[in-house]
PDB file of N, CA and C in Angstrom:
ATOM      1  N   UNK A   1      32.828   4.934 -27.319  1.00  0.00           N
ATOM      2  CA  UNK A   1      32.895   6.163 -27.798  1.00  0.00           C
ATOM      3  C   UNK A   1      34.110   6.396 -28.424  1.00  0.00           C
ATOM      4  N   UNK A   2      35.225   5.457 -28.104  1.00  0.00           N
ATOM      5  CA  UNK A   2      36.265   5.363 -28.956  1.00  0.00           C
ATOM      6  C   UNK A   2      36.336   5.027 -30.588  1.00  0.00           C
ATOM      7  N   UNK A   3      35.352   4.083 -30.938  1.00  0.00           N
ATOM      8  CA  UNK A   3      34.740   3.659 -32.191  1.00  0.00           C
ATOM      9  C   UNK A   3      34.450   5.040 -32.883  1.00  0.00           C
ATOM     10  N   UNK A   4      33.555   5.570 -32.294  1.00  0.00           N
ATOM     11  CA  UNK A   4      33.068   6.718 -32.766  1.00  0.00           C
ATOM     12  C   UNK A   4      33.887   8.204 -33.059  1.00  0.00           C
ATOM     13  N   UNK A   5      34.831   8.082 -32.217  1.00  0.00           N
ATOM     14  CA  UNK A   5      35.820   9.393 -32.623  1.00  0.00           C
ATOM     15  C   UNK A   5      36.736   8.891 -33.576  1.00  0.00           C
ATOM     16  N   UNK A   6      37.085   7.417 -33.712  1.00  0.00           N
ATOM     17  CA  UNK A   6      37.953   7.005 -34.673  1.00  0.00           C
ATOM     18  C   UNK A   6      37.109   7.117 -36.055  1.00  0.00           C
ATOM     19  N   UNK A   7      36.057   7.150 -36.449  1.00  0.00           N
ATOM     20  CA  UNK A   7      35.193   7.283 -37.564  1.00  0.00           C
ATOM     21  C   UNK A   7      35.214   8.609 -37.695  1.00  0.00           C
ATOM     22  N   UNK A   8      34.816   9.577 -36.542  1.00  0.00           N
ATOM     23  CA  UNK A   8      34.939  10.924 -37.244  1.00  0.00           C
ATOM     24  C   UNK A   8      36.470  11.795 -37.356  1.00  0.00           C
ATOM     25  N   UNK A   9      37.394  10.970 -36.965  1.00  0.00           N
ATOM     26  CA  UNK A   9      38.773  11.584 -37.298  1.00  0.00           C
ATOM     27  C   UNK A   9      38.910  10.626 -38.569  1.00  0.00           C
ATOM     28  N   UNK A  10      38.602   9.617 -38.934  1.00  0.00           N
ATOM     29  CA  UNK A  10      38.877   8.793 -40.563  1.00  0.00           C
ATOM     30  C   UNK A  10      38.331   9.791 -41.082  1.00  0.00           C
ATOM     31  N   UNK A  11      37.152  10.300 -41.110  1.00  0.00           N
ATOM     32  CA  UNK A  11      36.061  10.802 -42.177  1.00  0.00           C
ATOM     33  C   UNK A  11      36.681  12.283 -42.366  1.00  0.00           C
ATOM     34  N   UNK A  12      37.446  12.863 -41.112  1.00  0.00           N
ATOM     35  CA  UNK A  12      37.941  13.897 -41.723  1.00  0.00           C
ATOM     36  C   UNK A  12      39.279  14.007 -42.338  1.00  0.00           C
ATOM     37  N   UNK A  13      39.782  13.056 -42.032  1.00  0.00           N
ATOM     38  CA  UNK A  13      40.927  13.026 -42.938  1.00  0.00           C
ATOM     39  C   UNK A  13      40.782  12.331 -44.552  1.00  0.00           C
ATOM     40  N   UNK A  14      39.664  11.542 -44.360  1.00  0.00           N
ATOM     41  CA  UNK A  14      39.340  11.157 -45.969  1.00  0.00           C
ATOM     42  C   UNK A  14      38.910  12.443 -46.507  1.00  0.00           C
ATOM     43  N   UNK A  15      37.771  13.016 -46.022  1.00  0.00           N
ATOM     44  CA  UNK A  15      37.143  14.404 -46.329  1.00  0.00           C
ATOM     45  C   UNK A  15      38.382  15.806 -46.836  1.00  0.00           C
ATOM     46  N   UNK A  16      39.503  15.831 -45.963  1.00  0.00           N
ATOM     47  CA  UNK A  16      40.343  16.759 -46.607  1.00  0.00           C
ATOM     48  C   UNK A  16      41.021  16.078 -48.022  1.00  0.00           C
ATOM     49  N   UNK A  17      41.215  14.629 -47.709  1.00  0.00           N
ATOM     50  CA  UNK A  17      41.917  14.289 -49.201  1.00  0.00           C
ATOM     51  C   UNK A  17      41.137  14.215 -50.576  1.00  0.00           C
ATOM     52  N   UNK A  18      39.645  14.150 -50.257  1.00  0.00           N
ATOM     53  CA  UNK A  18      38.852  14.658 -51.259  1.00  0.00           C
ATOM     54  C   UNK A  18      38.613  15.979 -51.615  1.00  0.00           C
ATOM     55  N   UNK A  19      39.118  16.650 -50.825  1.00  0.00           N
ATOM     56  CA  UNK A  19      38.784  18.338 -51.122  1.00  0.00           C
ATOM     57  C   UNK A  19      40.317  18.789 -51.923  1.00  0.00           C
ATOM     58  N   UNK A  20      41.398  18.012 -51.560  1.00  0.00           N
ATOM     59  CA  UNK A  20      42.947  18.423 -51.862  1.00  0.00           C
ATOM     60  C   UNK A  20      42.687  18.068 -53.360  1.00  0.00           C
ATOM     61  N   UNK A  21      42.383  16.753 -53.851  1.00  0.00           N
ATOM     62  CA  UNK A  21      42.199  16.007 -55.197  1.00  0.00           C
ATOM     63  C   UNK A  21      41.465  16.251 -56.110  1.00  0.00           C
ATOM     64  N   UNK A  22      40.476  16.762 -55.851  1.00  0.00           N
ATOM     65  CA  UNK A  22      39.177  17.390 -56.692  1.00  0.00           C
ATOM     66  C   UNK A  22      39.306  18.514 -57.122  1.00  0.00           C
ATOM     67  N   UNK A  23      39.253  18.837 -58.576  1.00  0.00           N
ATOM     68  CA  UNK A  23      39.302  20.140 -59.276  1.00  0.00           C
ATOM     69  C   UNK A  23      38.064  20.795 -59.198  1.00  0.00           C
ATOM     70  N   UNK A  24      37.201  20.094 -59.319  1.00  0.00           N
ATOM     71  CA  UNK A  24      35.673  20.188 -59.515  1.00  0.00           C
ATOM     72  C   UNK A  24      35.434  21.276 -58.681  1.00  0.00           C
ATOM     73  N   UNK A  25      34.432  22.307 -58.431  1.00  0.00           N
ATOM     74  CA  UNK A  25      34.161  23.363 -57.320  1.00  0.00           C
ATOM     75  C   UNK A  25      33.136  22.546 -56.463  1.00  0.00           C
ATOM     76  N   UNK A  26      32.365  21.949 -57.282  1.00  0.00           N
ATOM     77  CA  UNK A  26      31.082  21.528 -56.942  1.00  0.00           C
ATOM     78  C   UNK A  26      31.243  20.064 -55.499  1.00  0.00           C
ATOM     79  N   UNK A  27      32.131  19.256 -56.154  1.00  0.00           N
ATOM     80  CA  UNK A  27      32.203  18.653 -55.280  1.00  0.00           C
ATOM     81  C   UNK A  27      33.425  18.647 -54.208  1.00  0.00           C
ATOM     82  N   UNK A  28      34.206  19.786 -54.480  1.00  0.00           N
ATOM     83  CA  UNK A  28      35.095  19.948 -53.350  1.00  0.00           C
ATOM     84  C   UNK A  28      34.533  21.095 -52.438  1.00  0.00           C
ATOM     85  N   UNK A  29      33.188  21.471 -52.910  1.00  0.00           N
ATOM     86  CA  UNK A  29      32.322  22.488 -51.452  1.00  0.00           C
ATOM     87  C   UNK A  29      31.553  21.102 -50.778  1.00  0.00           C
ATOM     88  N   UNK A  30      31.008  20.181 -51.588  1.00  0.00           N
ATOM     89  CA  UNK A  30      30.326  19.106 -50.803  1.00  0.00           C
ATOM     90  C   UNK A  30      31.326  18.322 -49.832  1.00  0.00           C
ATOM     91  N   UNK A  31      32.967  18.050 -50.272  1.00  0.00           N
ATOM     92  CA  UNK A  31      33.927  17.909 -49.106  1.00  0.00           C
ATOM     93  C   UNK A  31      34.414  18.427 -48.129  1.00  0.00           C
ATOM     94  N   UNK A  32      34.003  19.803 -48.346  1.00  0.00           N
ATOM     95  CA  UNK A  32      34.254  20.817 -46.974  1.00  0.00           C
ATOM     96  C   UNK A  32      32.996  21.068 -46.488  1.00  0.00           C
ATOM     97  N   UNK A  33      31.817  20.611 -46.846  1.00  0.00           N
ATOM     98  CA  UNK A  33      30.929  20.475 -45.766  1.00  0.00           C
ATOM     99  C   UNK A  33      31.346  18.927 -44.972  1.00  0.00           C
ATOM    100  N   UNK A  34      31.266  18.183 -45.460  1.00  0.00           N
ATOM    101  CA  UNK A  34      31.779  16.793 -44.885  1.00  0.00           C
ATOM    102  C   UNK A  34      32.974  17.000 -43.934  1.00  0.00           C
ATOM    103  N   UNK A  35      33.648  17.490 -44.445  1.00  0.00           N
ATOM    104  CA  UNK A  35      34.819  17.767 -43.083  1.00  0.00           C
ATOM    105  C   UNK A  35      34.621  18.739 -41.875  1.00  0.00           C
ATOM    106  N   UNK A  36      33.765  20.014 -42.574  1.00  0.00           N
ATOM    107  CA  UNK A  36      32.972  20.697 -41.304  1.00  0.00           C
ATOM    108  C   UNK A  36      31.819  19.716 -40.080  1.00  0.00           C
ATOM    109  N   UNK A  37      31.308  18.881 -40.848  1.00  0.00           N
ATOM    110  CA  UNK A  37      30.467  17.965 -40.319  1.00  0.00           C
ATOM    111  C   UNK A  37      31.145  17.230 -39.288  1.00  0.00           C
ATOM    112  N   UNK A  38      32.719  16.351 -39.731  1.00  0.00           N
ATOM    113  CA  UNK A  38      33.533  15.606 -39.012  1.00  0.00           C
ATOM    114  C   UNK A  38      33.787  16.130 -38.047  1.00  0.00           C
ATOM    115  N   UNK A  39      34.221  17.118 -38.414  1.00  0.00           N
ATOM    116  CA  UNK A  39      35.241  18.487 -37.492  1.00  0.00           C
ATOM    117  C   UNK A  39      34.134  18.687 -36.197  1.00  0.00           C
ATOM    118  N   UNK A  40      33.216  19.069 -36.750  1.00  0.00           N
ATOM    119  CA  UNK A  40      32.087  19.344 -35.284  1.00  0.00           C
ATOM    120  C   UNK A  40      31.541  18.060 -34.208  1.00  0.00           C
ATOM    121  N   UNK A  41      31.788  16.835 -35.504  1.00  0.00           N
ATOM    122  CA  UNK A  41      31.780  15.665 -34.778  1.00  0.00           C
ATOM    123  C   UNK A  41      32.785  15.379 -33.643  1.00  0.00           C
ATOM    124  N   UNK A  42      34.127  15.493 -33.440  1.00  0.00           N
ATOM    125  CA  UNK A  42      35.422  15.498 -32.829  1.00  0.00           C
ATOM    126  C   UNK A  42      35.186  16.519 -31.691  1.00  0.00           C
ATOM    127  N   UNK A  43      34.585  17.841 -31.991  1.00  0.00           N
ATOM    128  CA  UNK A  43      34.232  18.396 -31.202  1.00  0.00           C
ATOM    129  C   UNK A  43      33.467  18.061 -30.122  1.00  0.00           C
ATOM    130  N   UNK A  44      32.055  17.701 -30.594  1.00  0.00           N
ATOM    131  CA  UNK A  44      31.101  16.840 -29.755  1.00  0.00           C
ATOM    132  C   UNK A  44      31.502  15.954 -28.709  1.00  0.00           C
ATOM    133  N   UNK A  45      32.661  15.382 -29.435  1.00  0.00           N
ATOM    134  CA  UNK A  45      33.320  14.091 -28.479  1.00  0.00           C
ATOM    135  C   UNK A  45      33.699  14.583 -27.344  1.00  0.00           C
ATOM    136  N   UNK A  46      34.201  15.699 -27.684  1.00  0.00           N
ATOM    137  CA  UNK A  46      35.580  16.078 -26.527  1.00  0.00           C
ATOM    138  C   UNK A  46      34.615  17.240 -25.235  1.00  0.00           C
ATOM    139  N   UNK A  47      33.233  17.422 -25.949  1.00  0.00           N
ATOM    140  CA  UNK A  47      32.372  18.042 -24.724  1.00  0.00           C
ATOM    141  C   UNK A  47      32.047  19.413 -25.354  1.00  0.00           C
ATOM    142  N   UNK A  48      32.359  19.993 -26.528  1.00  0.00           N
ATOM    143  CA  UNK A  48      31.621  21.026 -27.052  1.00  0.00           C
ATOM    144  C   UNK A  48      30.711  21.244 -28.150  1.00  0.00           C
ATOM    145  N   UNK A  49      29.445  20.585 -27.162  1.00  0.00           N
ATOM    146  CA  UNK A  49      27.957  20.454 -28.385  1.00  0.00           C
ATOM    147  C   UNK A  49      27.860  21.695 -28.634  1.00  0.00           C
ATOM    148  N   UNK A  50      27.558  23.087 -28.063  1.00  0.00           N
ATOM    149  CA  UNK A  50      27.450  24.294 -28.561  1.00  0.00           C
ATOM    150  C   UNK A  50      28.521  24.690 -29.239  1.00  0.00           C
ATOM    151  N   UNK A  51      29.329  24.918 -29.152  1.00  0.00           N
ATOM    152  CA  UNK A  51      30.584  25.173 -29.645  1.00  0.00           C
ATOM    153  C   UNK A  51      30.562  24.702 -31.238  1.00  0.00           C
ATOM    154  N   UNK A  52      30.495  23.458 -31.236  1.00  0.00           N
ATOM    155  CA  UNK A  52      30.342  22.574 -32.478  1.00  0.00           C
ATOM    156  C   UNK A  52      28.978  23.012 -33.424  1.00  0.00           C
ATOM    157  N   UNK A  53      28.114  23.259 -32.611  1.00  0.00           N
ATOM    158  CA  UNK A  53      26.649  23.900 -33.130  1.00  0.00           C
ATOM    159  C   UNK A  53      27.025  25.258 -34.016  1.00  0.00           C
ATOM    160  N   UNK A  54      27.255  25.982 -33.523  1.00  0.00           N
ATOM    161  CA  UNK A  54      27.653  27.334 -33.555  1.00  0.00           C
ATOM    162  C   UNK A  54      28.800  27.660 -34.893  1.00  0.00           C
ATOM    163  N   UNK A  55      29.591  26.831 -34.663  1.00  0.00           N
ATOM    164  CA  UNK A  55      31.026  26.470 -35.446  1.00  0.00           C
ATOM    165  C   UNK A  55      30.491  25.931 -36.736  1.00  0.00           C
ATOM    166  N   UNK A  56      29.673  24.850 -36.687  1.00  0.00           N
ATOM    167  CA  UNK A  56      29.216  24.297 -38.061  1.00  0.00           C
ATOM    168  C   UNK A  56      28.110  25.099 -38.621  1.00  0.00           C
ATOM    169  N   UNK A  57      27.416  26.188 -37.926  1.00  0.00           N
ATOM    170  CA  UNK A  57      26.244  27.124 -38.524  1.00  0.00           C
ATOM    171  C   UNK A  57      26.933  28.405 -39.249  1.00  0.00           C
ATOM    172  N   UNK A  58      27.660  28.742 -38.788  1.00  0.00           N
ATOM    173  CA  UNK A  58      28.660  29.759 -39.111  1.00  0.00           C
ATOM    174  C   UNK A  58      29.784  29.310 -40.488  1.00  0.00           C
ATOM    175  N   UNK A  59      30.042  28.166 -40.172  1.00  0.00           N
ATOM    176  CA  UNK A  59      30.801  27.155 -40.690  1.00  0.00           C
ATOM    177  C   UNK A  59      29.944  27.470 -42.431  1.00  0.00           C
ATOM    178  N   UNK A  60      28.858  26.464 -42.595  1.00  0.00           N
ATOM    179  CA  UNK A  60      28.028  26.228 -43.407  1.00  0.00           C
ATOM    180  C   UNK A  60      27.789  27.933 -44.355  1.00  0.00           C
ATOM    181  N   UNK A  61      27.313  28.676 -43.215  1.00  0.00           N
ATOM    182  CA  UNK A  61      26.863  30.421 -44.105  1.00  0.00           C
ATOM    183  C   UNK A  61      28.240  30.441 -45.092  1.00  0.00           C
ATOM    184  N   UNK A  62      29.091  30.656 -44.632  1.00  0.00           N
ATOM    185  CA  UNK A  62      30.408  31.092 -45.190  1.00  0.00           C
ATOM    186  C   UNK A  62      30.734  30.065 -46.640  1.00  0.00           C
ATOM    187  N   UNK A  63      30.624  28.956 -46.466  1.00  0.00           N
ATOM    188  CA  UNK A  63      30.566  27.899 -47.425  1.00  0.00           C
ATOM    189  C   UNK A  63      29.491  27.758 -48.271  1.00  0.00           C
ATOM    190  N   UNK A  64      28.247  28.831 -48.307  1.00  0.00           N
ATOM    191  CA  UNK A  64      27.454  28.998 -49.138  1.00  0.00           C
ATOM    192  C   UNK A  64      27.622  29.528 -49.955  1.00  0.00           C
ATOM    193  N   UNK A  65      28.525  30.356 -49.539  1.00  0.00           N
ATOM    194  CA  UNK A  65      28.853  32.126 -50.052  1.00  0.00           C
ATOM    195  C   UNK A  65      29.474  31.720 -51.198  1.00  0.00           C
ATOM    196  N   UNK A  66      30.915  30.865 -50.238  1.00  0.00           N
ATOM    197  CA  UNK A  66      32.101  30.271 -51.552  1.00  0.00           C
ATOM    198  C   UNK A  66      31.433  29.235 -52.151  1.00  0.00           C
ATOM    199  N   UNK A  67      30.683  28.648 -52.343  1.00  0.00           N
ATOM    200  CA  UNK A  67      30.063  27.597 -53.000  1.00  0.00           C
ATOM    201  C   UNK A  67      29.588  28.138 -54.138  1.00  0.00           C
ATOM    202  N   UNK A  68      28.781  29.280 -53.914  1.00  0.00           N
ATOM    203  CA  UNK A  68      27.931  30.306 -54.854  1.00  0.00           C
ATOM    204  C   UNK A  68      29.100  30.642 -55.792  1.00  0.00           C
ATOM    205  N   UNK A  69      29.644  31.174 -55.189  1.00  0.00           N
ATOM    206  CA  UNK A  69      30.809  32.367 -56.103  1.00  0.00           C
ATOM    207  C   UNK A  69      31.585  31.551 -57.162  1.00  0.00           C
ATOM    208  N   UNK A  70      32.155  29.968 -56.843  1.00  0.00           N
ATOM    209  CA  UNK A  70      33.205  29.199 -57.110  1.00  0.00           C
ATOM    210  C   UNK A  70      32.195  28.601 -57.815  1.00  0.00           C
ATOM    211  N   UNK A  71      30.943  28.336 -58.091  1.00  0.00           N
ATOM    212  CA  UNK A  71      30.246  27.615 -58.980  1.00  0.00           C
ATOM    213  C   UNK A  71      29.459  28.816 -60.007  1.00  0.00           C
ATOM    214  N   UNK A  72      29.593  29.791 -59.867  1.00  0.00           N
ATOM    215  CA  UNK A  72      29.159  30.820 -60.743  1.00  0.00           C
ATOM    216  C   UNK A  72      30.485  31.271 -61.503  1.00  0.00           C
ATOM    217  N   UNK A  73      31.526  30.967 -61.341  1.00  0.00           N
ATOM    218  CA  UNK A  73      32.826  31.058 -61.855  1.00  0.00           C
ATOM    219  C   UNK A  73      33.218  30.211 -63.065  1.00  0.00           C
ATOM    220  N   UNK A  74      32.889  28.888 -62.174  1.00  0.00           N
ATOM    221  CA  UNK A  74      33.403  27.474 -63.096  1.00  0.00           C
ATOM    222  C   UNK A  74      32.905  27.359 -64.377  1.00  0.00           C
ATOM    223  N   UNK A  75      33.541  27.193 -65.402  1.00  0.00           N
ATOM    224  CA  UNK A  75      33.421  26.963 -66.843  1.00  0.00           C
ATOM    225  C   UNK A  75      32.469  25.774 -66.994  1.00  0.00           C
ATOM    226  N   UNK A  76      32.402  24.655 -66.165  1.00  0.00           N
ATOM    227  CA  UNK A  76      32.018  23.427 -66.378  1.00  0.00           C
ATOM    228  C   UNK A  76      32.053  22.583 -65.159  1.00  0.00           C
ATOM    229  N   UNK A  77      31.241  21.859 -64.733  1.00  0.00           N
ATOM    230  CA  UNK A  77      31.049  20.897 -63.390  1.00  0.00           C
ATOM    231  C   UNK A  77      32.271  20.153 -63.525  1.00  0.00           C
ATOM    232  N   UNK A  78      32.737  19.336 -64.264  1.00  0.00           N
ATOM    233  CA  UNK A  78      33.766  18.440 -64.746  1.00  0.00           C
ATOM    234  C   UNK A  78      35.100  18.856 -65.456  1.00  0.00           C
ATOM    235  N   UNK A  79      35.578  19.721 -64.549  1.00  0.00           N
ATOM    236  CA  UNK A  79      36.686  20.015 -65.863  1.00  0.00           C
ATOM    237  C   UNK A  79      38.137  19.166 -65.829  1.00  0.00           C
ATOM    238  N   UNK A  80      38.553  19.209 -66.861  1.00  0.00           N
ATOM    239  CA  UNK A  80      39.592  18.582 -67.330  1.00  0.00           C
ATOM    240  C   UNK A  80      41.211  19.252 -67.236  1.00  0.00           C
ATOM    241  N   UNK A  81      41.919  18.940 -66.535  1.00  0.00           N
ATOM    242  CA  UNK A  81      43.266  19.688 -66.463  1.00  0.00           C
ATOM    243  C   UNK A  81      44.096  19.602 -67.827  1.00  0.00           C
ATOM    244  N   UNK A  82      44.255  20.503 -68.311  1.00  0.00           N
ATOM    245  CA  UNK A  82      45.008  20.170 -69.922  1.00  0.00           C
ATOM    246  C   UNK A  82      46.640  20.822 -69.757  1.00  0.00           C
ATOM    247  N   UNK A  83      47.045  20.761 -68.519  1.00  0.00           N
ATOM    248  CA  UNK A  83      48.573  21.279 -68.570  1.00  0.00           C
ATOM    249  C   UNK A  83      49.420  20.837 -69.008  1.00  0.00           C
ATOM    250  N   UNK A  84      49.474  19.667 -69.180  1.00  0.00           N
ATOM    251  CA  UNK A  84      50.578  19.007 -69.479  1.00  0.00           C
ATOM    252  C   UNK A  84      50.353  17.886 -70.992  1.00  0.00           C
ATOM    253  N   UNK A  85      49.817  18.820 -71.728  1.00  0.00           N
ATOM    254  CA  UNK A  85      49.316  18.031 -73.244  1.00  0.00           C
ATOM    255  C   UNK A  85      50.527  17.764 -74.198  1.00  0.00           C
ATOM    256  N   UNK A  86      51.381  18.890 -74.247  1.00  0.00           N
ATOM    257  CA  UNK A  86      52.421  18.598 -75.161  1.00  0.00           C
ATOM    258  C   UNK A  86      53.357  18.373 -74.131  1.00  0.00           C
ATOM    259  N   UNK A  87      53.305  17.441 -73.371  1.00  0.00           N
ATOM    260  CA  UNK A  87      54.517  17.142 -72.214  1.00  0.00           C
ATOM    261  C   UNK A  87      55.548  16.671 -72.980  1.00  0.00           C
ATOM    262  N   UNK A  88      55.528  15.831 -73.924  1.00  0.00           N
ATOM    263  CA  UNK A  88      56.711  14.772 -74.535  1.00  0.00           C
ATOM    264  C   UNK A  88      57.358  16.087 -75.420  1.00  0.00           C
ATOM    265  N   UNK A  89      56.583  17.133 -75.795  1.00  0.00           N
ATOM    266  CA  UNK A  89      57.667  17.900 -76.668  1.00  0.00           C
ATOM    267  C   UNK A  89      58.412  19.477 -76.054  1.00  0.00           C
ATOM    268  N   UNK A  90      58.609  19.171 -74.499  1.00  0.00           N
ATOM    269  CA  UNK A  90      58.856  20.214 -73.844  1.00  0.00           C
ATOM    270  C   UNK A  90      59.463  19.941 -72.781  1.00  0.00           C
ATOM    271  N   UNK A  91      60.557  20.293 -72.209  1.00  0.00           N
ATOM    272  CA  UNK A  91      61.537  19.916 -71.220  1.00  0.00           C
ATOM    273  C   UNK A  91      60.472  20.240 -69.797  1.00  0.00           C
ATOM    274  N   UNK A  92      60.027  21.738 -69.766  1.00  0.00           N
ATOM    275  CA  UNK A  92      59.479  22.148 -68.687  1.00  0.00           C
ATOM    276  C   UNK A  92      57.603  21.510 -68.502  1.00  0.00           C
ATOM    277  N   UNK A  93      57.162  21.460 -67.540  1.00  0.00           N
ATOM    278  CA  UNK A  93      55.634  21.444 -67.411  1.00  0.00           C
ATOM    279  C   UNK A  93      54.748  22.838 -67.690  1.00  0.00           C
ATOM    280  N   UNK A  94      53.847  22.524 -68.247  1.00  0.00           N
ATOM    281  CA  UNK A  94      53.203  23.892 -68.979  1.00  0.00           C
ATOM    282  C   UNK A  94      52.640  24.798 -68.367  1.00  0.00           C
ATOM    283  N   UNK A  95      52.552  24.135 -66.757  1.00  0.00           N
ATOM    284  CA  UNK A  95      52.045  25.679 -66.098  1.00  0.00           C
ATOM    285  C   UNK A  95      53.028  26.612 -65.199  1.00  0.00           C
ATOM    286  N   UNK A  96      54.623  26.022 -65.439  1.00  0.00           N
ATOM    287  CA  UNK A  96      55.523  26.715 -65.151  1.00  0.00           C
ATOM    288  C   UNK A  96      56.066  28.205 -66.030  1.00  0.00           C
ATOM    289  N   UNK A  97      55.564  27.983 -67.140  1.00  0.00           N
ATOM    290  CA  UNK A  97      56.359  28.929 -68.317  1.00  0.00           C
ATOM    291  C   UNK A  97      54.965  30.050 -68.116  1.00  0.00           C
ATOM    292  N   UNK A  98      54.035  30.293 -67.304  1.00  0.00           N
ATOM    293  CA  UNK A  98      53.471  31.394 -67.107  1.00  0.00           C
ATOM    294  C   UNK A  98      54.226  32.042 -65.862  1.00  0.00           C
ATOM    295  N   UNK A  99      54.789  31.223 -65.041  1.00  0.00           N
ATOM    296  CA  UNK A  99      55.284  32.008 -63.704  1.00  0.00           C
ATOM    297  C   UNK A  99      56.370  32.494 -64.529  1.00  0.00           C
ATOM    298  N   UNK A 100      57.269  32.219 -65.191  1.00  0.00           N
ATOM    299  CA  UNK A 100      58.416  32.516 -65.597  1.00  0.00           C
ATOM    300  C   UNK A 100      58.145  34.032 -66.334  1.00  0.00           C
ATOM    301  N   UNK A 101      56.930  34.071 -67.012  1.00  0.00           N
ATOM    302  CA  UNK A 101      56.709  35.083 -67.899  1.00  0.00           C
ATOM    303  C   UNK A 101      55.949  36.042 -67.018  1.00  0.00           C
ATOM    304  N   UNK A 102      55.288  35.687 -66.113  1.00  0.00           N
ATOM    305  CA  UNK A 102      55.117  36.803 -64.855  1.00  0.00           C
ATOM    306  C   UNK A 102      56.144  37.379 -64.300  1.00  0.00           C
ATOM    307  N   UNK A 103      57.405  36.772 -63.819  1.00  0.00           N
ATOM    308  CA  UNK A 103      58.236  37.104 -63.594  1.00  0.00           C
ATOM    309  C   UNK A 103      59.380  38.174 -64.125  1.00  0.00           C
ATOM    310  N   UNK A 104      59.451  37.659 -65.814  1.00  0.00           N
ATOM    311  CA  UNK A 104      60.170  38.451 -66.564  1.00  0.00           C
ATOM    312  C   UNK A 104      59.639  39.244 -67.428  1.00  0.00           C
ATOM    313  N   UNK A 105      58.634  39.387 -67.929  1.00  0.00           N
ATOM    314  CA  UNK A 105      57.938  40.486 -68.606  1.00  0.00           C
ATOM    315  C   UNK A 105      57.548  41.270 -67.267  1.00  0.00           C
ATOM    316  N   UNK A 106      56.456  40.988 -66.633  1.00  0.00           N
ATOM    317  CA  UNK A 106      55.556  41.410 -65.819  1.00  0.00           C
ATOM    318  C   UNK A 106      56.431  42.104 -64.591  1.00  0.00           C
ATOM    319  N   UNK A 107      57.900  42.032 -64.475  1.00  0.00           N
ATOM    320  CA  UNK A 107      58.394  41.551 -63.090  1.00  0.00           C
ATOM    321  C   UNK A 107      58.109  43.343 -62.539  1.00  0.00           C
ATOM    322  N   UNK A 108      58.518  44.347 -63.402  1.00  0.00           N
ATOM    323  CA  UNK A 108      57.896  45.473 -62.309  1.00  0.00           C
ATOM    324  C   UNK A 108      56.848  45.775 -61.922  1.00  0.00           C
ATOM    325  N   UNK A 109      55.646  45.467 -62.985  1.00  0.00           N
ATOM    326  CA  UNK A 109      54.095  45.455 -62.409  1.00  0.00           C
ATOM    327  C   UNK A 109      53.887  44.686 -60.838  1.00  0.00           C
ATOM    328  N   UNK A 110      54.973  43.366 -60.574  1.00  0.00           N
ATOM    329  CA  UNK A 110      54.880  42.706 -59.749  1.00  0.00           C
ATOM    330  C   UNK A 110      55.565  43.159 -58.773  1.00  0.00           C
ATOM    331  N   UNK A 111      56.578  43.647 -58.982  1.00  0.00           N
ATOM    332  CA  UNK A 111      57.371  44.489 -57.641  1.00  0.00           C
ATOM    333  C   UNK A 111      56.390  45.708 -57.334  1.00  0.00           C
ATOM    334  N   UNK A 112      55.673  46.732 -58.173  1.00  0.00           N
ATOM    335  CA  UNK A 112      54.892  47.603 -57.608  1.00  0.00           C
ATOM    336  C   UNK A 112      53.873  47.291 -56.961  1.00  0.00           C
ATOM    337  N   UNK A 113      53.015  45.977 -57.519  1.00  0.00           N
ATOM    338  CA  UNK A 113      52.268  45.828 -56.527  1.00  0.00           C
ATOM    339  C   UNK A 113      52.370  45.094 -55.443  1.00  0.00           C
ATOM    340  N   UNK A 114      53.755  44.761 -55.408  1.00  0.00           N
ATOM    341  CA  UNK A 114      54.097  44.043 -54.075  1.00  0.00           C
ATOM    342  C   UNK A 114      54.155  45.075 -52.914  1.00  0.00           C
TER     343      UNK A 114
END
C-alpha cells in the first residue's frame, strides 16, 4: 500500500509540473485530469472512496467547461512563446514593457477599475 501511495503522490507532483510548464491548453488540461486522478487516488488510499468519486466527477465537469473555453480561445494547439525574440537588443524582457505601459499610460483607468 505504501508503494501505491508513493506512485500516486509521484504522479501528482509530476502532473503538476506538466501543467505548470506547458503553454498549450490541450495538454495542460490533460495534465489537470491526470492530477485530479492522482489526487483522488491519494484520497482513496486514506479511506475516502465516496469523497474521491464525487470530487473526481465534479472536478471533471468543471474541467470540461474550462477546457472547452480555453480550446475555443486558443489560436493554435502548439503555441510558440516569442516574448524574447529581440532579447539581444534590449535591456529588459519583452513582457515587462506591457506592465510598464499599463501603469504609466493607463494608470488612472487601473485605479478606477480597482
